[in-house]
Amino acid sequence: MENQEKMNDEKLKSLEAIFEAKIANDEKIEPKDWMPEKYRKTHIRQISQHAHSEIVGMLPEGNWITRAPSLRRKVALLAKVQDEAGHGLYLYSACETLGISREEMYEQLHSGKAKYSSIFNYPTLTWADMGAIGWLVDGAAIINQVPLCNTSFGPYARAMVRVCKEESFHQRQGYEIMMTLCNGTQEQKDMAQDALNRWWWPSLMMFGPTDDESTHTEQSMKWKLKRKTNDELRQQFIDQTVPQADILGLTVPDPDLKYNNDTGHYNFGKIDWDEFWQVVKGHGMCNKERVSARKNAWDNGKWVRDAAVAYAEKKSDKEEVRKAV
C-alpha cells in the first residue's frame, strides 16, 4: 500500500512538472492533456462566465433592433447581436472540452451560481446607448480579451482570435454612432454626452476589482490565463479612450481625470466599488430582468430541443435499418 501511494505521488509530481514546463514555455494546454483540477475549475469559471456575458449581452442591444433610426443601423445592430450569439456558442463549446455540459452551465447561470459581466445589468435608455456600449463596453472587452488570444488553454485561445476580430468591428461601429450624434444637432450631442455619463464608470468596473481585492488575478497570472492585471487593463482602457472622447467633443464624467506627465498615464477618480459589488450580488437595476429573460428563453425553447433530439434519434434509427439491410 505504501509503495503504491509512493508511486502515485511520484506520478503526480511528474505530471505537475510537465504541466508547469508547458506553461513556462508558452505551450498550449489541450483538453486531453493532464491538468491540475484547480486549473480546470478556474477555466470553467472564467470561460463559462465569458460565454454567459456574451449571451446576456445580447439583451440590452436586442431591445433596440426594432427602434434603430434607419435600415442601415438596424441591419448593423442585428449583425452585432448575431455575432454575440456566436461568441457565446464558441465559448460554451470551448468550456465543454473541460468536462462540463452546456446544460450544467445554463443551470448555473439561471440559478445565480455563475456570474456574467456586471455591465449588462444597466438599462439602455436611448439610441446613444448603442453607441456608448459599442465604443466603451466593447472597447473594454477588446482590451480584456486580446491577451486571451495567447492564454494557456488551447481551445479558449483559438476561440478568442475570431471573437476579438469581431469585437474590434463592434467597437468601431459604436464609435461611429457616437461621432454621428456629436456632429448632429445639439439634442443629439446631449444624448451622446448623457450616454457617456451613464456608461463610463460601469465600463471601468468591467475590469474587475482592484488587484489587492481580486481573489483570482494572482493565480490566473501564474497560469498565464491572464497576461495583465485588472488595474493594468483598466489604466490601458482609460489612456486609450480619453483622447477618443476629446475627438468627439465629449467630457468624461470624472472631475479628477488629469494627464500625468511624469507617468504618461491619466490619473482618475475613485470608483464606486459599493455599486459594483451590489450589482455583482444581484441587486443591479436589471439583474432580475436579465436572468428572467434567459430562463424564459430556455423554457420556451424546450420544444425545439426536444424536436431536435427526436429528429436525431429517428435519423439514427433509419441509418441502423439501412445498414442492416
Protein backbone atom coordinates (compact mmCIF):
# COMPACT_ATOMS: atom_id res chain seq x y z
CA MET A 1 0.00 0.00 0.00
CA GLU A 2 2.80 2.41 0.92
CA ASN A 3 4.67 1.57 -2.29
CA GLN A 4 1.52 2.23 -4.33
CA GLU A 5 0.98 5.58 -2.66
CA LYS A 6 4.62 6.49 -3.26
CA MET A 7 4.30 5.56 -6.94
CA ASN A 8 1.13 7.64 -7.25
CA ASP A 9 2.85 10.62 -5.62
CA GLU A 10 5.80 10.33 -7.98
CA LYS A 11 3.50 10.09 -11.00
CA LEU A 12 1.57 13.15 -9.86
CA LYS A 13 4.77 15.13 -9.38
CA SER A 14 5.90 14.10 -12.85
CA LEU A 15 2.61 15.24 -14.39
CA GLU A 16 2.76 18.53 -12.49
CA ALA A 17 6.32 19.10 -13.71
CA ILE A 18 5.28 18.50 -17.35
CA PHE A 19 2.31 20.87 -16.92
CA GLU A 20 4.42 23.63 -15.33
CA ALA A 21 7.05 23.26 -18.06
CA LYS A 22 4.41 23.75 -20.76
CA ILE A 23 3.12 26.88 -19.03
CA ALA A 24 6.65 28.24 -18.68
CA ASN A 25 7.37 27.59 -22.37
CA ASP A 26 4.10 29.20 -23.51
CA GLU A 27 2.85 25.88 -24.89
CA LYS A 28 -0.90 25.33 -25.08
CA ILE A 29 -2.66 23.02 -22.65
CA GLU A 30 -5.11 20.90 -24.65
CA PRO A 31 -8.25 19.13 -23.35
CA LYS A 32 -6.67 15.66 -23.36
CA ASP A 33 -3.56 16.86 -21.52
CA TRP A 34 -3.24 16.32 -17.79
CA MET A 35 -4.00 19.47 -15.81
CA PRO A 36 -4.46 20.28 -12.11
CA GLU A 37 -8.07 20.19 -11.01
CA LYS A 38 -7.84 23.80 -9.84
CA TYR A 39 -6.66 24.83 -13.32
CA ARG A 40 -9.64 23.04 -14.88
CA LYS A 41 -12.15 24.61 -12.48
CA THR A 42 -10.62 28.08 -12.89
CA HIS A 43 -11.06 27.85 -16.65
CA ILE A 44 -14.59 26.53 -16.35
CA ARG A 45 -15.43 29.53 -14.16
CA GLN A 46 -13.83 32.10 -16.45
CA ILE A 47 -14.83 30.68 -19.84
CA SER A 48 -18.43 30.00 -18.80
CA GLN A 49 -18.67 33.48 -17.27
CA HIS A 50 -17.40 34.89 -20.54
CA ALA A 51 -19.92 32.83 -22.53
CA HIS A 52 -22.78 33.91 -20.26
CA SER A 53 -21.71 37.54 -20.71
CA GLU A 54 -21.92 37.25 -24.49
CA ILE A 55 -25.38 35.72 -24.35
CA VAL A 56 -26.80 38.05 -21.70
CA GLY A 57 -25.12 40.94 -23.52
CA MET A 58 -27.48 40.39 -26.44
CA LEU A 59 -30.44 41.56 -24.34
CA PRO A 60 -29.78 45.30 -23.82
CA GLU A 61 -28.95 45.71 -27.52
CA GLY A 62 -31.57 43.38 -28.98
CA ASN A 63 -34.04 45.68 -27.26
CA TRP A 64 -33.12 48.41 -29.79
CA ILE A 65 -33.13 46.47 -33.09
CA THR A 66 -36.73 47.41 -33.95
CA ARG A 67 -36.16 51.02 -32.85
CA ALA A 68 -32.92 51.75 -34.71
CA PRO A 69 -33.17 55.12 -36.55
CA SER A 70 -32.51 53.74 -40.05
CA LEU A 71 -32.42 50.50 -42.01
CA ARG A 72 -28.61 50.69 -42.08
CA ARG A 73 -28.44 50.97 -38.30
CA LYS A 74 -30.97 48.19 -37.90
CA VAL A 75 -29.02 45.76 -40.08
CA ALA A 76 -25.71 46.63 -38.38
CA LEU A 77 -27.14 46.16 -34.89
CA LEU A 78 -28.81 42.91 -35.88
CA ALA A 79 -25.48 41.62 -37.21
CA LYS A 80 -23.74 42.65 -34.00
CA VAL A 81 -26.24 40.82 -31.78
CA GLN A 82 -25.88 37.77 -34.03
CA ASP A 83 -22.09 37.95 -33.59
CA GLU A 84 -22.52 37.93 -29.82
CA ALA A 85 -24.67 34.81 -30.01
CA GLY A 86 -21.89 33.16 -32.00
CA HIS A 87 -19.29 34.21 -29.45
CA GLY A 88 -21.31 32.58 -26.71
CA LEU A 89 -21.53 29.34 -28.69
CA TYR A 90 -17.77 29.28 -29.39
CA LEU A 91 -17.05 29.76 -25.71
CA TYR A 92 -19.60 27.22 -24.46
CA SER A 93 -18.02 24.70 -26.86
CA ALA A 94 -14.53 25.50 -25.57
CA CYS A 95 -15.72 25.11 -22.00
CA GLU A 96 -17.34 21.75 -22.72
CA THR A 97 -13.88 20.34 -23.54
CA LEU A 98 -13.11 20.70 -19.82
CA GLY A 99 -15.76 18.15 -18.91
CA ILE A 100 -18.81 20.26 -18.10
CA SER A 101 -22.04 20.03 -20.07
CA ARG A 102 -23.76 23.00 -21.64
CA GLU A 103 -26.91 22.17 -19.68
CA GLU A 104 -24.96 22.42 -16.43
CA MET A 105 -23.54 25.79 -17.45
CA TYR A 106 -27.03 27.07 -18.25
CA GLU A 107 -28.31 25.80 -14.91
CA GLN A 108 -25.52 27.65 -13.09
CA LEU A 109 -26.46 30.86 -14.92
CA HIS A 110 -30.17 30.52 -14.23
CA SER A 111 -29.65 29.66 -10.57
CA GLY A 112 -27.30 32.58 -9.98
CA LYS A 113 -24.33 30.34 -9.17
CA ALA A 114 -22.46 31.53 -12.26
CA LYS A 115 -21.89 35.22 -12.94
CA TYR A 116 -21.73 37.33 -16.07
CA SER A 117 -20.30 40.79 -16.66
CA SER A 118 -21.87 43.36 -14.34
CA ILE A 119 -22.08 45.88 -17.22
CA PHE A 120 -25.14 44.15 -18.70
CA ASN A 121 -27.26 44.90 -15.65
CA TYR A 122 -27.64 48.55 -16.67
CA PRO A 123 -30.58 49.72 -18.81
CA THR A 124 -30.29 51.05 -22.37
CA LEU A 125 -32.41 54.20 -22.30
CA THR A 126 -31.66 55.90 -25.63
CA TRP A 127 -30.23 55.13 -29.07
CA ALA A 128 -26.97 56.78 -27.94
CA ASP A 129 -26.54 53.87 -25.53
CA MET A 130 -25.94 51.63 -28.56
CA GLY A 131 -23.03 53.89 -29.45
CA ALA A 132 -21.71 54.04 -25.89
CA ILE A 133 -21.90 50.26 -25.49
CA GLY A 134 -20.02 49.67 -28.74
CA TRP A 135 -17.42 52.33 -28.02
CA LEU A 136 -16.91 51.80 -24.28
CA VAL A 137 -18.13 48.30 -23.38
CA ASP A 138 -16.79 46.56 -26.47
CA GLY A 139 -13.67 48.72 -26.26
CA ALA A 140 -13.09 47.48 -22.71
CA ALA A 141 -13.85 43.93 -23.82
CA ILE A 142 -11.18 44.11 -26.54
CA ILE A 143 -8.55 45.25 -24.05
CA ASN A 144 -9.57 42.40 -21.76
CA GLN A 145 -9.73 39.80 -24.49
CA VAL A 146 -6.80 40.42 -26.86
CA PRO A 147 -4.34 38.98 -24.29
CA LEU A 148 -6.60 35.90 -24.10
CA CYS A 149 -5.60 35.02 -27.67
CA ASN A 150 -2.34 33.89 -26.02
CA THR A 151 -3.89 32.30 -22.95
CA SER A 152 -2.53 28.90 -21.96
CA PHE A 153 -5.67 26.81 -22.64
CA GLY A 154 -5.73 26.00 -26.36
CA PRO A 155 -9.49 25.93 -27.15
CA TYR A 156 -10.06 29.24 -25.33
CA ALA A 157 -7.13 30.96 -27.06
CA ARG A 158 -8.26 29.82 -30.52
CA ALA A 159 -11.87 30.89 -29.94
CA MET A 160 -10.68 34.33 -28.86
CA VAL A 161 -8.94 35.07 -32.17
CA ARG A 162 -12.24 35.34 -34.05
CA VAL A 163 -14.07 36.90 -31.11
CA CYS A 164 -11.53 39.74 -30.90
CA LYS A 165 -11.70 40.46 -34.62
CA GLU A 166 -15.47 40.84 -34.43
CA GLU A 167 -15.37 42.83 -31.20
CA SER A 168 -13.00 45.27 -32.88
CA PHE A 169 -15.62 45.87 -35.55
CA HIS A 170 -18.28 46.37 -32.87
CA GLN A 171 -16.13 48.99 -31.15
CA ARG A 172 -15.67 50.94 -34.38
CA GLN A 173 -19.39 50.68 -35.09
CA GLY A 174 -20.21 52.15 -31.66
CA TYR A 175 -17.70 54.97 -32.05
CA GLU A 176 -19.16 55.82 -35.44
CA ILE A 177 -22.63 56.10 -33.89
CA MET A 178 -21.25 58.48 -31.25
CA MET A 179 -19.42 60.50 -33.91
CA THR A 180 -22.62 60.88 -35.94
CA LEU A 181 -24.57 62.03 -32.89
CA CYS A 182 -21.85 64.50 -31.87
CA ASN A 183 -21.86 66.02 -35.35
CA GLY A 184 -25.64 66.30 -35.36
CA THR A 185 -28.00 68.60 -33.51
CA GLN A 186 -27.36 69.87 -30.00
CA GLU A 187 -30.04 67.48 -28.75
CA GLN A 188 -28.22 64.56 -30.35
CA LYS A 189 -24.88 65.60 -28.87
CA ASP A 190 -26.51 65.99 -25.46
CA MET A 191 -27.85 62.46 -25.86
CA ALA A 192 -24.32 61.19 -26.57
CA GLN A 193 -22.95 63.04 -23.53
CA ASP A 194 -25.70 61.57 -21.33
CA ALA A 195 -24.84 58.06 -22.54
CA LEU A 196 -21.15 58.62 -21.77
CA ASN A 197 -22.07 59.91 -18.32
CA ARG A 198 -24.02 56.74 -17.51
CA TRP A 199 -21.69 54.14 -19.05
CA TRP A 200 -18.23 55.49 -18.17
CA TRP A 201 -17.93 54.25 -14.59
CA PRO A 202 -19.62 50.85 -15.18
CA SER A 203 -17.16 50.35 -18.07
CA LEU A 204 -14.23 50.88 -15.69
CA MET A 205 -15.78 48.34 -13.34
CA MET A 206 -15.76 45.75 -16.15
CA PHE A 207 -12.10 45.03 -15.47
CA GLY A 208 -12.96 43.69 -12.04
CA PRO A 209 -11.89 44.76 -8.56
CA THR A 210 -8.54 46.34 -7.82
CA ASP A 211 -5.57 43.98 -7.78
CA ASP A 212 -5.36 43.94 -3.99
CA GLU A 213 -9.05 42.95 -3.80
CA SER A 214 -9.04 40.37 -6.61
CA THR A 215 -9.12 36.75 -5.44
CA HIS A 216 -8.24 35.22 -8.82
CA THR A 217 -5.72 37.53 -10.50
CA GLU A 218 -2.53 36.14 -8.93
CA GLN A 219 -3.28 32.53 -9.82
CA SER A 220 -4.55 33.47 -13.30
CA MET A 221 -1.32 35.37 -13.97
CA LYS A 222 0.76 32.40 -12.81
CA TRP A 223 -1.05 30.05 -15.21
CA LYS A 224 -0.93 32.67 -17.99
CA LEU A 225 -4.67 32.70 -18.16
CA LYS A 226 -4.27 36.46 -17.80
CA ARG A 227 -1.30 38.43 -19.08
CA LYS A 228 -2.10 41.74 -17.38
CA THR A 229 -3.71 42.57 -14.03
CA ASN A 230 -7.11 44.24 -13.62
CA ASP A 231 -5.56 47.59 -12.76
CA GLU A 232 -3.16 47.47 -15.73
CA LEU A 233 -6.01 46.73 -18.12
CA ARG A 234 -8.18 49.47 -16.62
CA GLN A 235 -5.39 52.04 -16.99
CA GLN A 236 -4.84 50.98 -20.60
CA PHE A 237 -8.54 51.50 -21.33
CA ILE A 238 -8.56 54.98 -19.80
CA ASP A 239 -5.40 56.04 -21.63
CA GLN A 240 -6.85 54.83 -24.92
CA THR A 241 -10.39 56.14 -24.52
CA VAL A 242 -9.98 59.65 -23.11
CA PRO A 243 -8.34 61.01 -26.30
CA GLN A 244 -11.22 59.50 -28.29
CA ALA A 245 -13.70 61.40 -26.12
CA ASP A 246 -11.73 64.58 -26.82
CA ILE A 247 -12.11 63.98 -30.57
CA LEU A 248 -15.85 63.57 -30.12
CA GLY A 249 -16.02 66.77 -28.11
CA LEU A 250 -17.45 64.94 -25.11
CA THR A 251 -16.49 65.34 -21.45
CA VAL A 252 -15.52 62.27 -19.43
CA PRO A 253 -17.60 62.43 -16.21
CA ASP A 254 -14.62 62.41 -13.86
CA PRO A 255 -13.56 65.73 -12.30
CA ASP A 256 -10.34 64.10 -11.06
CA LEU A 257 -9.27 62.96 -14.53
CA LYS A 258 -5.92 64.50 -15.43
CA TYR A 259 -2.98 63.54 -17.61
CA ASN A 260 0.16 62.85 -15.59
CA ASN A 261 3.28 63.94 -17.49
CA ASP A 262 5.55 62.03 -15.12
CA THR A 263 3.88 58.64 -15.61
CA GLY A 264 2.50 59.12 -19.12
CA HIS A 265 -0.90 57.93 -17.89
CA TYR A 266 -4.16 59.54 -16.84
CA ASN A 267 -4.90 59.87 -13.14
CA PHE A 268 -8.57 59.16 -12.47
CA GLY A 269 -11.11 59.42 -9.68
CA LYS A 270 -12.30 56.84 -7.20
CA ILE A 271 -14.56 54.08 -8.50
CA ASP A 272 -17.72 53.34 -6.51
CA TRP A 273 -16.93 49.75 -5.63
CA ASP A 274 -20.01 49.52 -3.41
CA GLU A 275 -22.11 49.89 -6.55
CA PHE A 276 -20.03 47.25 -8.33
CA TRP A 277 -20.49 44.66 -5.58
CA GLN A 278 -24.20 45.40 -5.28
CA VAL A 279 -24.61 44.67 -8.99
CA VAL A 280 -22.44 41.53 -8.81
CA LYS A 281 -24.56 40.26 -5.91
CA GLY A 282 -27.72 40.60 -7.99
CA HIS A 283 -29.02 43.98 -6.85
CA GLY A 284 -28.43 46.00 -10.01
CA MET A 285 -31.14 47.78 -11.97
CA CYS A 286 -31.62 44.93 -14.47
CA ASN A 287 -30.25 41.79 -12.77
CA LYS A 288 -33.63 40.14 -12.26
CA GLU A 289 -34.84 41.18 -15.70
CA ARG A 290 -31.78 39.71 -17.44
CA VAL A 291 -31.86 36.35 -15.64
CA SER A 292 -35.63 36.11 -16.09
CA ALA A 293 -35.25 36.69 -19.83
CA ARG A 294 -32.67 33.91 -20.08
CA LYS A 295 -34.82 31.49 -18.06
CA ASN A 296 -37.85 32.22 -20.23
CA ALA A 297 -35.82 31.70 -23.40
CA TRP A 298 -34.62 28.34 -22.06
CA ASP A 299 -38.10 27.22 -21.06
CA ASN A 300 -39.76 28.42 -24.27
CA GLY A 301 -37.11 26.71 -26.37
CA LYS A 302 -37.66 23.28 -24.82
CA TRP A 303 -39.88 22.11 -27.67
CA VAL A 304 -37.15 22.97 -30.18
CA ARG A 305 -34.54 20.98 -28.24
CA ASP A 306 -36.93 18.04 -27.87
CA ALA A 307 -37.74 18.12 -31.58
CA ALA A 308 -34.05 18.19 -32.49
CA VAL A 309 -33.34 15.18 -30.25
CA ALA A 310 -36.33 13.28 -31.67
CA TYR A 311 -35.19 14.00 -35.23
CA ALA A 312 -31.64 12.88 -34.46
CA GLU A 313 -32.90 9.63 -32.92
CA LYS A 314 -35.21 8.98 -35.87
CA LYS A 315 -32.39 9.60 -38.32
CA SER A 316 -30.10 7.28 -36.34
CA ASP A 317 -32.74 4.52 -36.33
CA LYS A 318 -33.17 4.82 -40.11
CA GLU A 319 -29.41 4.60 -40.58
CA GLU A 320 -29.23 1.43 -38.49
CA VAL A 321 -32.05 -0.15 -40.52
CA ARG A 322 -30.31 0.80 -43.76
CA LYS A 323 -27.06 -0.79 -42.58
CA ALA A 324 -28.91 -3.94 -41.50
CA VAL A 325 -30.41 -4.31 -44.99
